[in-house]
N, C-alpha and C. Protein backbone atom coordinates (compact mmCIF):
# COMPACT_ATOMS: atom_id res chain seq x y z
N MET A 1 -15.89 -9.62 3.96
CA MET A 1 -16.58 -8.49 3.37
C MET A 1 -17.59 -7.94 4.37
N LEU A 2 -17.75 -6.65 4.38
CA LEU A 2 -18.65 -5.98 5.30
C LEU A 2 -20.09 -6.27 4.93
N GLU A 3 -20.85 -6.75 5.89
CA GLU A 3 -22.27 -7.04 5.68
C GLU A 3 -23.08 -5.85 6.19
N LEU A 4 -23.89 -5.26 5.34
CA LEU A 4 -24.74 -4.14 5.75
C LEU A 4 -26.20 -4.51 5.55
N GLU A 5 -26.99 -4.06 6.49
CA GLU A 5 -28.43 -4.24 6.34
C GLU A 5 -28.89 -3.38 5.18
N PRO A 6 -29.81 -3.88 4.33
CA PRO A 6 -30.29 -3.07 3.21
C PRO A 6 -30.87 -1.73 3.64
N LEU A 7 -31.44 -1.66 4.86
CA LEU A 7 -32.02 -0.40 5.31
C LEU A 7 -30.98 0.66 5.60
N CYS A 8 -29.70 0.29 5.72
CA CYS A 8 -28.66 1.28 5.98
C CYS A 8 -28.56 2.30 4.84
N PHE A 9 -29.06 1.94 3.69
CA PHE A 9 -29.01 2.86 2.56
C PHE A 9 -30.30 3.64 2.41
N SER A 10 -31.25 3.40 3.29
CA SER A 10 -32.51 4.13 3.29
C SER A 10 -32.24 5.57 3.70
N SER A 11 -32.96 6.51 3.12
CA SER A 11 -32.77 7.91 3.49
C SER A 11 -33.20 8.17 4.93
N ALA A 12 -33.98 7.28 5.51
CA ALA A 12 -34.44 7.43 6.89
C ALA A 12 -33.47 6.84 7.91
N CYS A 13 -32.45 6.15 7.48
CA CYS A 13 -31.52 5.49 8.39
C CYS A 13 -30.59 6.53 9.03
N PRO A 14 -30.52 6.58 10.36
CA PRO A 14 -29.64 7.55 11.03
C PRO A 14 -28.17 7.38 10.67
N SER A 15 -27.74 6.15 10.37
CA SER A 15 -26.33 5.95 10.04
C SER A 15 -25.96 6.65 8.73
N ARG A 16 -26.92 6.74 7.82
CA ARG A 16 -26.65 7.41 6.55
C ARG A 16 -26.39 8.90 6.77
N ALA A 17 -27.18 9.51 7.62
CA ALA A 17 -26.99 10.94 7.91
C ALA A 17 -25.65 11.18 8.61
N LEU A 18 -25.31 10.31 9.56
CA LEU A 18 -24.03 10.46 10.26
C LEU A 18 -22.87 10.26 9.30
N PHE A 19 -22.95 9.24 8.45
CA PHE A 19 -21.89 9.00 7.48
C PHE A 19 -21.71 10.23 6.59
N ASP A 20 -22.79 10.82 6.15
CA ASP A 20 -22.73 12.01 5.31
C ASP A 20 -22.01 13.14 6.04
N GLN A 21 -22.26 13.27 7.33
CA GLN A 21 -21.67 14.36 8.10
C GLN A 21 -20.20 14.15 8.41
N ILE A 22 -19.78 12.91 8.62
CA ILE A 22 -18.36 12.69 8.96
C ILE A 22 -17.49 12.47 7.75
N ALA A 23 -18.09 12.12 6.62
CA ALA A 23 -17.30 11.80 5.44
C ALA A 23 -17.18 12.95 4.46
N ASP A 24 -17.72 14.11 4.80
CA ASP A 24 -17.54 15.22 3.87
C ASP A 24 -16.10 15.73 3.96
N LYS A 25 -15.66 16.41 2.92
CA LYS A 25 -14.23 16.77 2.85
C LYS A 25 -13.79 17.70 3.98
N TRP A 26 -14.63 18.64 4.39
CA TRP A 26 -14.19 19.58 5.41
C TRP A 26 -14.07 18.90 6.76
N SER A 27 -15.01 18.01 7.10
CA SER A 27 -14.93 17.31 8.40
C SER A 27 -13.64 16.50 8.50
N MET A 28 -13.33 15.80 7.44
CA MET A 28 -12.11 14.98 7.45
C MET A 28 -10.88 15.86 7.62
N MET A 29 -10.85 16.98 6.91
CA MET A 29 -9.69 17.87 6.99
C MET A 29 -9.60 18.58 8.34
N VAL A 30 -10.75 18.93 8.93
CA VAL A 30 -10.75 19.57 10.25
C VAL A 30 -10.12 18.62 11.27
N LEU A 31 -10.47 17.35 11.22
CA LEU A 31 -9.88 16.40 12.16
C LEU A 31 -8.38 16.29 11.99
N VAL A 32 -7.91 16.38 10.76
CA VAL A 32 -6.47 16.33 10.51
C VAL A 32 -5.80 17.58 11.09
N VAL A 33 -6.40 18.75 10.87
CA VAL A 33 -5.85 20.00 11.40
C VAL A 33 -5.81 19.95 12.93
N LEU A 34 -6.89 19.46 13.54
CA LEU A 34 -6.97 19.43 15.00
C LEU A 34 -6.10 18.33 15.61
N ASP A 35 -5.55 17.47 14.79
CA ASP A 35 -4.64 16.44 15.28
C ASP A 35 -3.40 17.07 15.91
N ASP A 36 -3.06 18.29 15.47
CA ASP A 36 -1.90 19.01 16.01
C ASP A 36 -2.18 19.62 17.38
N GLY A 37 -3.43 19.57 17.82
CA GLY A 37 -3.81 20.17 19.10
C GLY A 37 -4.91 21.19 18.91
N PRO A 38 -5.38 21.78 20.01
CA PRO A 38 -6.47 22.76 19.92
C PRO A 38 -6.11 23.91 18.99
N GLN A 39 -7.11 24.36 18.23
CA GLN A 39 -6.90 25.45 17.26
C GLN A 39 -8.07 26.42 17.33
N ARG A 40 -7.77 27.67 17.06
CA ARG A 40 -8.82 28.67 16.95
C ARG A 40 -9.40 28.63 15.54
N PHE A 41 -10.59 29.22 15.41
CA PHE A 41 -11.32 29.19 14.15
C PHE A 41 -10.46 29.67 12.98
N ASN A 42 -9.84 30.84 13.12
CA ASN A 42 -9.07 31.40 12.01
C ASN A 42 -7.84 30.57 11.68
N ALA A 43 -7.26 29.91 12.67
CA ALA A 43 -6.11 29.04 12.39
C ALA A 43 -6.57 27.83 11.57
N ILE A 44 -7.72 27.30 11.90
CA ILE A 44 -8.28 26.18 11.11
C ILE A 44 -8.56 26.65 9.70
N ARG A 45 -9.19 27.80 9.58
CA ARG A 45 -9.55 28.34 8.26
C ARG A 45 -8.32 28.58 7.39
N ARG A 46 -7.25 29.10 7.98
CA ARG A 46 -6.01 29.33 7.21
C ARG A 46 -5.44 28.03 6.67
N ARG A 47 -5.54 26.96 7.44
CA ARG A 47 -4.99 25.66 7.01
C ARG A 47 -5.84 25.02 5.91
N LEU A 48 -7.14 25.33 5.88
CA LEU A 48 -8.05 24.70 4.92
C LEU A 48 -8.33 25.67 3.77
N GLN A 49 -7.39 25.77 2.88
CA GLN A 49 -7.53 26.70 1.76
C GLN A 49 -8.80 26.39 0.98
N GLY A 50 -9.58 27.43 0.71
CA GLY A 50 -10.78 27.28 -0.10
C GLY A 50 -12.06 27.14 0.70
N VAL A 51 -11.98 26.91 2.01
CA VAL A 51 -13.20 26.79 2.80
C VAL A 51 -13.72 28.19 3.11
N THR A 52 -15.03 28.36 2.99
CA THR A 52 -15.63 29.65 3.33
C THR A 52 -15.90 29.70 4.83
N GLN A 53 -16.08 30.89 5.35
CA GLN A 53 -16.39 31.05 6.77
C GLN A 53 -17.69 30.32 7.10
N LYS A 54 -18.67 30.45 6.24
CA LYS A 54 -19.97 29.80 6.48
C LYS A 54 -19.83 28.28 6.48
N ALA A 55 -19.13 27.73 5.49
CA ALA A 55 -18.97 26.27 5.41
C ALA A 55 -18.21 25.73 6.61
N LEU A 56 -17.16 26.44 7.05
CA LEU A 56 -16.39 25.98 8.20
C LEU A 56 -17.22 26.07 9.47
N THR A 57 -17.97 27.14 9.64
CA THR A 57 -18.84 27.29 10.81
C THR A 57 -19.85 26.16 10.88
N GLN A 58 -20.50 25.86 9.76
CA GLN A 58 -21.48 24.77 9.73
C GLN A 58 -20.82 23.43 10.03
N CYS A 59 -19.66 23.21 9.47
CA CYS A 59 -18.94 21.96 9.69
C CYS A 59 -18.57 21.80 11.16
N LEU A 60 -18.03 22.84 11.77
CA LEU A 60 -17.63 22.77 13.18
C LEU A 60 -18.84 22.54 14.08
N ARG A 61 -19.95 23.16 13.76
CA ARG A 61 -21.17 22.96 14.57
C ARG A 61 -21.66 21.52 14.46
N ARG A 62 -21.67 20.97 13.24
CA ARG A 62 -22.09 19.57 13.06
C ARG A 62 -21.17 18.63 13.83
N MET A 63 -19.88 18.87 13.73
CA MET A 63 -18.92 18.01 14.40
C MET A 63 -19.05 18.11 15.92
N GLU A 64 -19.30 19.31 16.42
CA GLU A 64 -19.49 19.48 17.86
C GLU A 64 -20.78 18.78 18.30
N ARG A 65 -21.84 18.94 17.53
CA ARG A 65 -23.11 18.28 17.85
C ARG A 65 -22.96 16.75 17.87
N ASN A 66 -22.15 16.22 16.96
CA ASN A 66 -21.93 14.78 16.88
C ASN A 66 -20.90 14.27 17.90
N GLY A 67 -20.34 15.18 18.70
CA GLY A 67 -19.40 14.77 19.74
C GLY A 67 -17.99 14.50 19.25
N LEU A 68 -17.66 14.95 18.03
CA LEU A 68 -16.34 14.68 17.46
C LEU A 68 -15.30 15.72 17.87
N ILE A 69 -15.76 16.93 18.13
CA ILE A 69 -14.88 18.00 18.58
C ILE A 69 -15.56 18.72 19.73
N SER A 70 -14.78 19.45 20.50
CA SER A 70 -15.34 20.29 21.55
C SER A 70 -14.94 21.73 21.27
N ARG A 71 -15.76 22.62 21.77
CA ARG A 71 -15.57 24.06 21.58
C ARG A 71 -15.38 24.66 22.95
N GLU A 72 -14.32 25.46 23.10
CA GLU A 72 -14.04 26.09 24.39
C GLU A 72 -13.91 27.60 24.19
N VAL A 73 -14.64 28.34 24.99
CA VAL A 73 -14.54 29.80 24.96
C VAL A 73 -13.40 30.20 25.89
N ILE A 74 -12.48 30.98 25.35
CA ILE A 74 -11.32 31.45 26.11
C ILE A 74 -11.56 32.90 26.50
N SER A 75 -11.46 33.20 27.78
CA SER A 75 -11.73 34.57 28.22
C SER A 75 -10.52 35.46 28.01
N LEU A 76 -10.42 35.92 26.82
CA LEU A 76 -9.40 36.90 26.47
C LEU A 76 -10.15 38.15 26.01
N SER A 77 -9.45 39.17 25.72
CA SER A 77 -10.10 40.35 25.16
C SER A 77 -9.53 40.56 23.77
N PRO A 78 -10.26 40.36 22.71
CA PRO A 78 -11.66 39.90 22.68
C PRO A 78 -11.75 38.40 22.98
N VAL A 79 -12.95 37.98 23.29
CA VAL A 79 -13.20 36.58 23.60
C VAL A 79 -12.84 35.72 22.39
N ALA A 80 -12.20 34.60 22.64
CA ALA A 80 -11.79 33.70 21.56
C ALA A 80 -12.40 32.32 21.80
N VAL A 81 -12.47 31.55 20.73
CA VAL A 81 -12.99 30.19 20.81
C VAL A 81 -11.95 29.27 20.20
N GLN A 82 -11.71 28.12 20.84
CA GLN A 82 -10.83 27.13 20.25
C GLN A 82 -11.54 25.79 20.20
N TYR A 83 -11.11 24.96 19.26
CA TYR A 83 -11.70 23.66 19.04
C TYR A 83 -10.64 22.59 19.24
N GLN A 84 -11.08 21.44 19.74
CA GLN A 84 -10.16 20.31 19.86
C GLN A 84 -10.92 19.01 19.64
N ILE A 85 -10.17 17.97 19.30
CA ILE A 85 -10.77 16.65 19.05
C ILE A 85 -11.15 16.02 20.38
N THR A 86 -12.31 15.38 20.39
CA THR A 86 -12.74 14.61 21.57
C THR A 86 -12.22 13.18 21.43
N PRO A 87 -12.30 12.40 22.49
CA PRO A 87 -11.92 10.99 22.36
C PRO A 87 -12.72 10.27 21.26
N LEU A 88 -14.00 10.59 21.11
CA LEU A 88 -14.81 9.99 20.05
C LEU A 88 -14.27 10.39 18.68
N GLY A 89 -13.91 11.65 18.52
CA GLY A 89 -13.34 12.12 17.25
C GLY A 89 -12.02 11.44 16.93
N ARG A 90 -11.22 11.16 17.95
CA ARG A 90 -9.93 10.49 17.74
C ARG A 90 -10.12 9.10 17.14
N THR A 91 -11.26 8.46 17.40
CA THR A 91 -11.48 7.12 16.84
C THR A 91 -11.61 7.15 15.32
N LEU A 92 -11.84 8.31 14.74
CA LEU A 92 -11.93 8.43 13.27
C LEU A 92 -10.58 8.66 12.62
N GLN A 93 -9.58 9.02 13.38
CA GLN A 93 -8.30 9.38 12.77
C GLN A 93 -7.64 8.22 12.03
N GLN A 94 -7.65 7.04 12.59
CA GLN A 94 -7.02 5.90 11.92
C GLN A 94 -7.71 5.59 10.59
N PRO A 95 -9.05 5.48 10.55
CA PRO A 95 -9.68 5.23 9.25
C PRO A 95 -9.43 6.37 8.25
N PHE A 96 -9.42 7.62 8.72
CA PHE A 96 -9.16 8.73 7.81
C PHE A 96 -7.73 8.70 7.29
N ARG A 97 -6.77 8.33 8.15
CA ARG A 97 -5.38 8.21 7.69
C ARG A 97 -5.27 7.13 6.63
N ALA A 98 -5.95 6.02 6.85
CA ALA A 98 -5.92 4.92 5.87
C ALA A 98 -6.52 5.39 4.54
N LEU A 99 -7.61 6.14 4.60
CA LEU A 99 -8.22 6.66 3.38
C LEU A 99 -7.28 7.63 2.68
N HIS A 100 -6.62 8.49 3.44
CA HIS A 100 -5.69 9.44 2.86
C HIS A 100 -4.52 8.71 2.19
N GLU A 101 -3.98 7.71 2.87
CA GLU A 101 -2.88 6.93 2.29
C GLU A 101 -3.33 6.23 1.01
N TRP A 102 -4.55 5.68 1.00
CA TRP A 102 -5.09 5.04 -0.20
C TRP A 102 -5.17 6.06 -1.33
N THR A 103 -5.64 7.27 -1.01
CA THR A 103 -5.77 8.32 -2.02
C THR A 103 -4.42 8.64 -2.65
N LEU A 104 -3.40 8.80 -1.82
CA LEU A 104 -2.07 9.10 -2.35
C LEU A 104 -1.51 7.95 -3.17
N GLU A 105 -1.71 6.73 -2.68
CA GLU A 105 -1.18 5.55 -3.36
C GLU A 105 -1.88 5.29 -4.69
N LYS A 106 -3.18 5.49 -4.73
CA LYS A 106 -3.98 5.14 -5.91
C LYS A 106 -4.22 6.29 -6.88
N LEU A 107 -3.77 7.49 -6.54
CA LEU A 107 -4.01 8.64 -7.41
C LEU A 107 -3.51 8.43 -8.84
N PRO A 108 -2.33 7.85 -9.06
CA PRO A 108 -1.91 7.62 -10.45
C PRO A 108 -2.89 6.70 -11.21
N GLU A 109 -3.41 5.67 -10.54
CA GLU A 109 -4.36 4.77 -11.20
C GLU A 109 -5.68 5.49 -11.49
N VAL A 110 -6.11 6.32 -10.56
CA VAL A 110 -7.34 7.09 -10.76
C VAL A 110 -7.15 8.08 -11.91
N ASP A 111 -6.00 8.74 -11.95
CA ASP A 111 -5.71 9.68 -13.05
C ASP A 111 -5.72 8.95 -14.39
N ALA A 112 -5.13 7.77 -14.44
CA ALA A 112 -5.12 6.99 -15.69
C ALA A 112 -6.54 6.60 -16.09
N ALA A 113 -7.35 6.20 -15.13
CA ALA A 113 -8.74 5.84 -15.42
C ALA A 113 -9.51 7.05 -15.93
N ARG A 114 -9.29 8.22 -15.35
CA ARG A 114 -9.96 9.44 -15.80
C ARG A 114 -9.56 9.78 -17.24
N GLN A 115 -8.26 9.68 -17.50
CA GLN A 115 -7.78 9.99 -18.85
C GLN A 115 -8.36 9.03 -19.87
N ALA A 116 -8.42 7.76 -19.52
CA ALA A 116 -9.00 6.76 -20.44
C ALA A 116 -10.48 7.05 -20.66
N PHE A 117 -11.19 7.37 -19.61
CA PHE A 117 -12.62 7.69 -19.72
C PHE A 117 -12.83 8.91 -20.60
N ASP A 118 -12.05 9.96 -20.31
CA ASP A 118 -12.19 11.20 -21.09
C ASP A 118 -11.86 10.97 -22.56
N ALA A 119 -10.83 10.18 -22.85
CA ALA A 119 -10.46 9.89 -24.23
C ALA A 119 -11.58 9.12 -24.94
N MET A 120 -12.19 8.16 -24.24
CA MET A 120 -13.28 7.37 -24.84
C MET A 120 -14.54 8.20 -25.05
N ASN A 121 -14.69 9.25 -24.27
CA ASN A 121 -15.90 10.06 -24.35
C ASN A 121 -15.67 11.41 -25.02
N GLY A 122 -14.53 11.57 -25.64
CA GLY A 122 -14.24 12.78 -26.40
C GLY A 122 -14.09 14.03 -25.56
N ARG A 123 -13.72 13.86 -24.32
CA ARG A 123 -13.52 15.03 -23.45
C ARG A 123 -12.04 15.40 -23.48
N PRO A 124 -11.75 16.70 -23.58
CA PRO A 124 -10.34 17.10 -23.51
C PRO A 124 -9.83 16.95 -22.08
N ALA A 125 -8.54 16.75 -21.95
CA ALA A 125 -7.93 16.71 -20.62
C ALA A 125 -8.14 18.06 -19.97
N PRO A 126 -8.20 18.13 -18.63
CA PRO A 126 -8.46 19.41 -17.96
C PRO A 126 -7.55 20.54 -18.39
N HIS A 127 -6.24 20.28 -18.58
CA HIS A 127 -5.35 21.36 -18.99
C HIS A 127 -5.63 21.78 -20.43
N GLU A 128 -6.10 20.85 -21.27
CA GLU A 128 -6.45 21.20 -22.64
C GLU A 128 -7.71 22.03 -22.69
N ALA A 129 -8.68 21.73 -21.84
CA ALA A 129 -9.94 22.47 -21.81
C ALA A 129 -9.71 23.91 -21.39
N SER A 130 -8.84 24.13 -20.37
CA SER A 130 -8.62 25.48 -19.90
C SER A 130 -7.85 26.30 -20.94
N SER A 131 -6.91 25.70 -21.66
CA SER A 131 -6.18 26.45 -22.68
C SER A 131 -7.06 26.71 -23.90
N ALA A 132 -7.98 25.80 -24.19
CA ALA A 132 -8.89 26.01 -25.32
C ALA A 132 -9.85 27.16 -25.03
N SER A 133 -10.32 27.27 -23.75
CA SER A 133 -11.25 28.32 -23.42
C SER A 133 -10.56 29.68 -23.43
N ARG A 134 -9.25 29.74 -23.16
CA ARG A 134 -8.53 31.01 -23.19
C ARG A 134 -8.33 31.50 -24.62
N SER A 135 -8.25 30.57 -25.56
CA SER A 135 -7.96 30.98 -26.93
C SER A 135 -9.23 31.38 -27.69
N VAL A 136 -10.40 31.18 -27.09
CA VAL A 136 -11.65 31.53 -27.77
C VAL A 136 -11.95 32.98 -27.61
């Protein structure tokens, strides 16, 4: 079992801030998209349905600052920018793949747990809630 110092959960611990930055959903997905090779901003955005321009820009800047990706200006007309994974960023791919595989494997169990929780707490299933709100 992983032994962690109690201070690792302190809000002042640098590891907590880094974990927050690398474990957010957009950072994880950006690394997956960049696994195919260098990509321009709009190509990344098209692959990540639902991400806003602002959220993606902030995510890419954080990842570049943390050394996980690099940004290269391409001298075209107009000037373009592309992003690629650094060697440090590549070290996260295996743990992220394992997490993704766990998510796919355990999703039925998680769905069953959610349904049991919702039933015990009198919450309608998500599809029931949306149809109920349409009929009001």
